[in-house]
Amino acid sequence: MAKRIRLMYTAAALVPLTVLAAACSSSSSTSSPSSPSTSSSPPAGSAGGKSITETGSTLLFPLFGTWQTAYSAANKSVTITSGATGSGTGITDAATGLVNIGASDAYLSPAQMTTYPGLLNIPLAVSGAMITYNVPGVKGNLKFDGKVLSEIYGGKITTWNDPAIKALNPGVSLPSTKIVTLHRSDSSGTTFIFTSYLNDQDPAGWPIANVGTTVTWPSVPGELGEMGNGGMVAACGTTKGCIAYVGISYLAKVTAAGLGEGALGNKAGKFELPTASSINAALAQFSGSTPASGTQSLIDSSAPTGYPIINYEYAIVKKSQPSAAEAAAVKAFLNWTVTTGNGATFLTPVLFQPLPARVLTISQTLINSISG
């Protein structure tokens, strides 16, 4: 399944540079991790190899902000500029040289690697996506599986008291409130891993052609498209009956908005929340088979207690940087992120997990292959 997914999701990320440049011209950002933005890409530049530019994943952005602050404090000659633009933009901006680092929840596909030879995807940490909802009067954690979510986002299930949802949640009083589906309107790695889960659990209902950083969403009455994980949380907080998929680094904002957190069905038929235990249980099924390229789907492990929607967070980087000094600065920063930056001080607040030892070695080998 992972191979099929990798072959199909690429088109949205391979936008023409002229289109991308127009899309990226509106603004720039050095936003703090407490307020992720959907800004355009930061300007590129090296300043003697002491300036590093990054843009991409809004899921990774809260963590990247704390990395940026801590690393710059310890390395005062280094300036790091970051932006939250979505994984698809991060991939393309790194591939076309607009930034040094593109942050992405989605790994590179074979087509992207062919189009942009020498482009690396380097695992930085382990994350995942959660389901959140705004259903008046419902307490606790509602249960969902991939088939039910596929039918909700496909418009087959339209009310919260639908028999299929009730069957997963016996004893819960569910209202007849209309379901309002929220999806990302930008090119999103969270969309990629969420649609990968839908396809894995309901391949007939959610075909592989509809897996990607940008997908063709079925036409559903009342559906809403939102920019970034922050936009998803904000819109769900003000929309009764909403359901949304959100990166787990936004759990604190989900809770503050009074939204519910769904327990997701895994391949073993168990329902799990995205905890350290459930994420690591799932990760253990995959880390031993992660290839030297770092490219791997971590969706729907066979672990009985594993959370089904997890992923590596990636740095998308050109192997050949514009100068030796710039390459050295990028390498030093990335090596710091996968070692010191993988400490609990950084990862725990955003519910990320550190790279397993074997994957850390893979990441360091990829990082050390960067040159200028």
Protein backbone atom coordinates (compact mmCIF):
# COMPACT_ATOMS: atom_id res chain seq x y z
CA MET A 1 0.00 0.00 0.00
CA ALA A 2 2.75 2.48 0.86
CA LYS A 3 4.30 2.05 -2.57
CA ARG A 4 1.02 2.78 -4.33
CA ILE A 5 0.51 5.91 -2.24
CA ARG A 6 3.96 7.24 -3.03
CA LEU A 7 3.33 6.84 -6.74
CA MET A 8 0.11 8.82 -6.78
CA TYR A 9 0.22 11.90 -4.56
CA THR A 10 2.81 14.00 -6.30
CA ALA A 11 1.03 16.22 -8.80
CA ALA A 12 0.02 18.98 -6.42
CA ALA A 13 3.56 19.48 -5.16
CA LEU A 14 5.02 19.82 -8.64
CA VAL A 15 3.51 23.24 -9.40
CA PRO A 16 5.26 25.40 -11.97
CA LEU A 17 7.78 27.81 -10.53
CA THR A 18 6.00 30.80 -12.10
CA VAL A 19 2.78 29.92 -10.29
CA LEU A 20 4.65 29.27 -7.07
CA ALA A 21 6.47 32.58 -7.25
CA ALA A 22 3.19 34.44 -7.61
CA ALA A 23 1.66 32.54 -4.73
CA CYS A 24 4.67 33.24 -2.53
CA SER A 25 4.93 36.96 -3.16
CA SER A 26 2.30 38.23 -0.76
CA SER A 27 4.10 38.20 2.60
CA SER A 28 6.85 36.72 4.75
CA SER A 29 6.96 35.52 8.33
CA THR A 30 9.07 34.87 11.34
CA SER A 31 6.07 33.90 13.41
CA SER A 32 6.47 32.51 16.90
CA PRO A 33 5.56 28.87 17.56
CA SER A 34 2.59 29.98 19.65
CA SER A 35 0.84 31.47 16.61
CA PRO A 36 1.42 29.38 13.49
CA SER A 37 0.76 31.31 10.32
CA THR A 38 0.06 30.53 6.71
CA SER A 39 2.63 33.02 5.51
CA SER A 40 4.48 32.93 2.24
CA SER A 41 8.03 31.67 2.03
CA PRO A 42 10.84 33.58 3.75
CA PRO A 43 13.42 35.17 1.45
CA ALA A 44 16.44 33.03 0.64
CA GLY A 45 19.97 34.18 1.48
CA SER A 46 23.12 32.93 3.10
CA ALA A 47 24.93 35.90 4.70
CA GLY A 48 28.18 33.98 4.71
CA GLY A 49 26.46 30.71 5.48
CA LYS A 50 24.96 32.03 8.73
CA SER A 51 21.38 32.45 7.53
CA ILE A 52 19.03 29.44 7.17
CA THR A 53 15.62 29.72 5.54
CA GLU A 54 12.77 27.26 6.09
CA THR A 55 9.11 26.98 5.19
CA GLY A 56 6.42 24.31 5.00
CA SER A 57 4.46 22.09 7.39
CA THR A 58 2.12 23.84 9.82
CA LEU A 59 2.12 20.62 11.88
CA LEU A 60 5.89 20.91 12.37
CA PHE A 61 5.85 24.70 12.73
CA PRO A 62 5.24 24.86 16.52
CA LEU A 63 8.23 22.55 17.10
CA PHE A 64 10.37 24.27 14.50
CA GLY A 65 9.74 27.56 16.28
CA THR A 66 11.14 26.24 19.57
CA TRP A 67 14.09 24.71 17.71
CA GLN A 68 14.71 28.02 15.99
CA THR A 69 14.71 29.95 19.27
CA ALA A 70 16.94 27.53 21.16
CA TYR A 71 19.44 27.04 18.36
CA SER A 72 19.77 30.75 17.65
CA ALA A 73 20.30 31.44 21.36
CA ALA A 74 23.19 28.97 21.45
CA ASN A 75 24.55 30.01 18.03
CA LYS A 76 24.16 33.77 17.96
CA SER A 77 25.80 34.20 14.57
CA VAL A 78 23.09 32.06 12.93
CA THR A 79 19.79 33.57 11.80
CA ILE A 80 16.92 31.16 11.06
CA THR A 81 13.86 32.44 9.22
CA SER A 82 10.79 30.20 9.09
CA GLY A 83 7.28 30.20 7.70
CA ALA A 84 4.17 27.99 7.90
CA THR A 85 2.92 27.54 4.36
CA GLY A 86 1.91 23.86 4.16
CA SER A 87 4.00 20.83 3.27
CA GLY A 88 3.44 21.05 -0.48
CA THR A 89 4.87 24.56 -0.61
CA GLY A 90 7.75 23.50 1.62
CA ILE A 91 8.68 20.69 -0.76
CA THR A 92 8.53 22.87 -3.85
CA ASP A 93 10.33 25.82 -2.26
CA ALA A 94 13.22 23.58 -1.21
CA ALA A 95 13.30 21.81 -4.58
CA THR A 96 13.47 25.08 -6.52
CA GLY A 97 16.01 26.68 -4.19
CA LEU A 98 13.78 29.36 -2.67
CA VAL A 99 14.65 28.09 0.83
CA ASN A 100 17.31 25.87 2.39
CA ILE A 101 14.84 23.59 4.20
CA GLY A 102 11.31 22.58 3.31
CA ALA A 103 9.35 21.10 6.22
CA SER A 104 6.94 18.33 5.28
CA ASP A 105 4.73 15.68 6.88
CA ALA A 106 4.73 13.91 3.51
CA TYR A 107 7.75 12.07 2.11
CA LEU A 108 9.02 12.59 -1.40
CA SER A 109 7.59 10.44 -4.16
CA PRO A 110 9.64 8.71 -6.87
CA ALA A 111 8.32 11.25 -9.39
CA GLN A 112 9.55 14.15 -7.27
CA MET A 113 12.94 12.53 -6.81
CA THR A 114 13.19 12.07 -10.58
CA THR A 115 12.13 15.65 -11.29
CA TYR A 116 14.47 17.05 -8.63
CA PRO A 117 17.53 14.74 -8.48
CA GLY A 118 19.60 15.27 -5.38
CA LEU A 119 16.63 16.24 -3.23
CA LEU A 120 16.68 14.57 0.21
CA ASN A 121 13.88 13.86 2.68
CA ILE A 122 15.40 13.59 6.13
CA PRO A 123 13.35 12.28 9.09
CA LEU A 124 13.48 14.78 11.97
CA ALA A 125 10.97 13.41 14.52
CA VAL A 126 7.75 11.38 14.72
CA SER A 127 4.31 12.95 14.70
CA GLY A 128 0.73 12.18 13.70
CA ALA A 129 -2.74 13.53 13.01
CA MET A 130 -5.88 13.52 15.15
CA ILE A 131 -9.60 13.84 14.54
CA THR A 132 -11.42 16.65 16.32
CA TYR A 133 -15.08 17.64 16.35
CA ASN A 134 -17.61 20.11 17.73
CA VAL A 135 -20.72 18.17 18.74
CA PRO A 136 -22.89 19.92 21.36
CA GLY A 137 -23.62 17.83 24.44
CA VAL A 138 -21.24 14.98 23.59
CA LYS A 139 -18.66 14.19 26.26
CA GLY A 140 -15.67 11.89 26.19
CA ASN A 141 -13.84 10.59 23.14
CA LEU A 142 -15.95 9.50 20.20
CA LYS A 143 -14.69 6.50 18.24
CA PHE A 144 -14.07 6.57 14.50
CA ASP A 145 -12.60 4.19 11.99
CA GLY A 146 -11.36 4.81 8.48
CA LYS A 147 -14.51 3.58 6.76
CA VAL A 148 -16.82 5.84 8.79
CA LEU A 149 -14.51 8.83 8.24
CA SER A 150 -14.36 8.02 4.53
CA GLU A 151 -18.14 8.01 4.36
CA ILE A 152 -18.36 11.26 6.35
CA TYR A 153 -15.91 13.04 4.06
CA GLY A 154 -17.52 11.38 1.06
CA GLY A 155 -20.95 12.75 1.99
CA LYS A 156 -22.59 9.37 2.68
CA ILE A 157 -22.88 10.02 6.43
CA THR A 158 -24.38 13.46 7.03
CA THR A 159 -25.66 13.58 10.64
CA TRP A 160 -24.02 12.82 13.96
CA ASN A 161 -26.67 10.27 14.93
CA ASP A 162 -26.08 8.17 11.82
CA PRO A 163 -26.31 4.42 12.61
CA ALA A 164 -22.70 3.84 11.55
CA ILE A 165 -21.40 6.37 14.10
CA LYS A 166 -23.78 5.06 16.76
CA ALA A 167 -22.56 1.49 16.18
CA LEU A 168 -19.00 2.57 17.05
CA ASN A 169 -20.21 4.51 20.10
CA PRO A 170 -22.84 2.44 21.95
CA GLY A 171 -24.47 4.22 24.85
CA VAL A 172 -23.50 7.69 23.63
CA SER A 173 -26.41 10.08 23.02
CA LEU A 174 -25.67 11.55 19.60
CA PRO A 175 -27.69 14.49 18.24
CA SER A 176 -29.19 14.81 14.78
CA THR A 177 -26.88 17.77 14.13
CA LYS A 178 -25.65 18.04 10.54
CA ILE A 179 -22.00 17.15 10.07
CA VAL A 180 -19.82 19.91 8.61
CA THR A 181 -16.62 18.52 7.12
CA LEU A 182 -13.48 20.67 7.31
CA HIS A 183 -10.53 20.04 5.03
CA ARG A 184 -7.29 21.82 4.22
CA SER A 185 -7.48 24.21 1.28
CA ASP A 186 -3.68 24.50 1.08
CA SER A 187 -1.23 21.80 0.03
CA SER A 188 -0.92 19.83 3.26
CA GLY A 189 1.08 16.91 4.59
CA THR A 190 -1.64 16.39 7.19
CA THR A 191 -4.06 15.91 4.30
CA PHE A 192 -1.64 13.37 2.85
CA ILE A 193 -1.43 11.23 5.97
CA PHE A 194 -5.17 11.54 6.70
CA THR A 195 -6.21 10.48 3.19
CA SER A 196 -3.61 7.70 3.31
CA TYR A 197 -5.41 6.35 6.39
CA LEU A 198 -8.81 6.60 4.66
CA ASN A 199 -7.52 4.70 1.65
CA ASP A 200 -5.81 2.06 3.79
CA GLN A 201 -8.98 1.31 5.75
CA ASP A 202 -11.53 1.90 2.97
CA PRO A 203 -9.77 1.38 -0.38
CA ALA A 204 -13.02 0.87 -2.26
CA GLY A 205 -14.62 4.01 -0.86
CA TRP A 206 -11.56 6.25 -0.81
CA PRO A 207 -9.46 5.37 -3.88
CA ILE A 208 -5.71 5.77 -4.10
CA ALA A 209 -6.14 8.54 -6.67
CA ASN A 210 -7.60 10.66 -3.87
CA VAL A 211 -4.55 10.46 -1.59
CA GLY A 212 -2.15 13.39 -1.55
CA THR A 213 -1.06 16.74 -0.18
CA THR A 214 -3.86 18.20 -2.32
CA VAL A 215 -6.88 16.08 -3.23
CA THR A 216 -10.21 16.46 -4.97
CA TRP A 217 -12.62 16.51 -2.05
CA PRO A 218 -16.09 15.08 -2.71
CA SER A 219 -18.76 17.76 -2.93
CA VAL A 220 -20.50 17.75 0.46
CA PRO A 221 -23.11 20.35 1.50
CA GLY A 222 -21.64 22.84 3.98
CA GLU A 223 -18.03 21.67 3.63
CA LEU A 224 -15.34 24.20 4.56
CA GLY A 225 -11.77 24.58 3.32
CA GLU A 226 -9.28 26.07 5.77
CA MET A 227 -5.64 27.20 5.61
CA GLY A 228 -3.23 25.45 7.97
CA ASN A 229 -3.79 23.42 11.12
CA GLY A 230 -4.49 26.62 13.02
CA GLY A 231 -7.24 27.52 10.57
CA MET A 232 -8.81 24.08 10.99
CA VAL A 233 -8.92 24.43 14.78
CA ALA A 234 -10.29 27.98 14.69
CA ALA A 235 -13.02 27.13 12.19
CA CYS A 236 -14.07 23.97 14.03
CA GLY A 237 -14.30 25.95 17.26
CA THR A 238 -16.91 28.25 15.75
CA THR A 239 -18.79 25.66 13.67
CA LYS A 240 -21.33 23.44 15.44
CA GLY A 241 -21.33 19.93 14.03
CA CYS A 242 -17.84 20.19 12.52
CA ILE A 243 -15.32 17.42 12.08
CA ALA A 244 -11.68 18.11 11.21
CA TYR A 245 -8.31 16.39 10.93
CA VAL A 246 -5.51 18.26 12.70
CA GLY A 247 -1.84 17.71 13.47
CA ILE A 248 -1.31 16.51 17.05
CA SER A 249 0.95 19.47 17.81
CA TYR A 250 -2.30 21.47 18.00
CA LEU A 251 -3.91 19.36 20.74
CA ALA A 252 -3.57 22.14 23.32
CA LYS A 253 -5.41 24.52 21.00
CA VAL A 254 -8.07 21.87 20.32
CA THR A 255 -8.61 21.45 24.05
CA ALA A 256 -8.68 25.22 24.65
CA ALA A 257 -11.36 25.55 21.98
CA GLY A 258 -13.51 22.97 23.80
CA LEU A 259 -13.37 20.49 20.92
CA GLY A 260 -13.53 16.72 21.20
CA GLU A 261 -10.69 14.32 20.41
CA GLY A 262 -11.47 11.14 18.50
CA ALA A 263 -10.16 7.65 19.26
CA LEU A 264 -9.20 6.04 15.95
CA GLY A 265 -9.60 2.44 14.91
CA ASN A 266 -6.39 0.68 13.95
CA LYS A 267 -5.76 -2.41 11.83
CA ALA A 268 -6.30 -4.64 14.89
CA GLY A 269 -9.75 -3.12 15.45
CA LYS A 270 -8.72 -1.29 18.62
CA PHE A 271 -9.45 2.40 19.21
CA GLU A 272 -6.54 4.57 20.33
CA LEU A 273 -5.79 8.18 21.14
CA PRO A 274 -2.47 9.69 19.93
CA THR A 275 -0.44 9.19 23.11
CA ALA A 276 3.29 8.58 23.48
CA SER A 277 2.53 4.92 24.15
CA SER A 278 0.26 4.38 21.15
CA ILE A 279 2.51 6.31 18.75
CA ASN A 280 5.61 4.40 19.82
CA ALA A 281 3.75 1.09 19.65
CA ALA A 282 2.93 1.82 16.01
CA LEU A 283 6.42 3.14 15.28
CA ALA A 284 8.02 -0.07 16.53
CA GLN A 285 6.36 -1.92 13.64
CA PHE A 286 8.04 0.30 11.04
CA SER A 287 11.36 1.69 12.27
CA GLY A 288 13.29 -1.50 11.59
CA SER A 289 12.35 -1.39 7.92
CA THR A 290 12.90 2.32 7.25
CA PRO A 291 15.07 2.49 4.08
CA ALA A 292 18.25 4.50 3.67
CA SER A 293 16.28 7.18 1.82
CA GLY A 294 14.10 7.77 4.90
CA THR A 295 11.01 7.44 2.70
CA GLN A 296 8.34 5.38 4.45
CA SER A 297 4.61 5.37 5.15
CA LEU A 298 3.86 4.79 8.85
CA ILE A 299 0.09 4.51 8.37
CA ASP A 300 -1.99 1.83 10.11
CA SER A 301 0.53 -0.48 11.74
CA SER A 302 -0.46 -3.96 12.87
CA ALA A 303 0.42 -3.20 16.52
CA PRO A 304 -2.66 -3.96 18.69
CA THR A 305 -2.19 -0.77 20.73
CA GLY A 306 -0.76 1.36 17.91
CA TYR A 307 -2.20 4.70 16.86
CA PRO A 308 -2.95 4.46 13.14
CA ILE A 309 -2.04 7.90 11.75
CA ILE A 310 1.63 8.63 12.44
CA ASN A 311 4.44 9.91 10.26
CA TYR A 312 8.01 11.07 10.13
CA GLU A 313 8.37 14.83 9.98
CA TYR A 314 10.79 15.58 7.16
CA ALA A 315 13.35 18.19 6.24
CA ILE A 316 13.34 18.45 2.46
CA VAL A 317 16.82 19.63 1.47
CA LYS A 318 18.90 19.87 -1.66
CA LYS A 319 21.97 17.66 -1.33
CA SER A 320 23.97 20.36 -3.10
CA GLN A 321 23.65 23.74 -1.38
CA PRO A 322 24.67 27.07 -3.01
CA SER A 323 27.94 27.30 -1.04
CA ALA A 324 30.12 25.29 1.32
CA ALA A 325 29.37 27.74 4.14
CA GLU A 326 25.63 27.44 3.58
CA ALA A 327 25.87 23.64 3.49
CA ALA A 328 27.82 23.63 6.75
CA ALA A 329 25.23 25.84 8.47
CA VAL A 330 22.33 23.65 7.31
CA LYS A 331 24.13 20.44 8.30
CA ALA A 332 24.99 21.76 11.76
CA PHE A 333 21.42 22.85 12.42
CA LEU A 334 19.83 19.62 11.17
CA ASN A 335 22.26 17.47 13.16
CA TRP A 336 21.25 19.49 16.22
CA THR A 337 17.51 18.95 15.55
CA VAL A 338 17.82 15.14 15.45
CA THR A 339 19.99 14.99 18.58
CA THR A 340 19.52 17.80 21.10
CA GLY A 341 16.32 18.89 19.36
CA ASN A 342 14.84 15.41 19.81
CA GLY A 343 14.92 15.83 23.59
CA ALA A 344 11.76 15.75 25.68
CA THR A 345 12.01 19.48 26.40
CA PHE A 346 11.22 20.14 22.75
CA LEU A 347 9.08 17.16 21.72
CA THR A 348 6.76 16.60 24.69
CA PRO A 349 4.87 19.93 24.46
CA VAL A 350 3.83 19.12 20.87
CA LEU A 351 3.30 15.36 21.48
CA PHE A 352 6.08 14.38 19.05
CA GLN A 353 8.27 11.35 19.64
CA PRO A 354 12.03 11.03 19.07
CA LEU A 355 13.54 9.14 16.19
CA PRO A 356 14.44 5.52 16.98
CA ALA A 357 18.20 4.90 17.10
CA ARG A 358 18.30 3.18 13.71
CA VAL A 359 16.36 5.99 12.02
CA LEU A 360 18.55 8.59 13.71
CA THR A 361 21.56 6.97 12.03
CA ILE A 362 19.77 7.11 8.67
CA SER A 363 18.96 10.80 9.18
CA GLN A 364 22.53 11.68 10.17
CA THR A 365 23.89 9.88 7.12
CA LEU A 366 21.55 11.87 4.88
CA ILE A 367 22.43 15.13 6.64
CA ASN A 368 26.15 14.50 6.32
CA SER A 369 25.79 13.94 2.58
CA ILE A 370 24.86 17.60 2.11
CA SER A 371 27.61 19.66 0.47
CA GLY A 372 28.14 23.04 -1.12
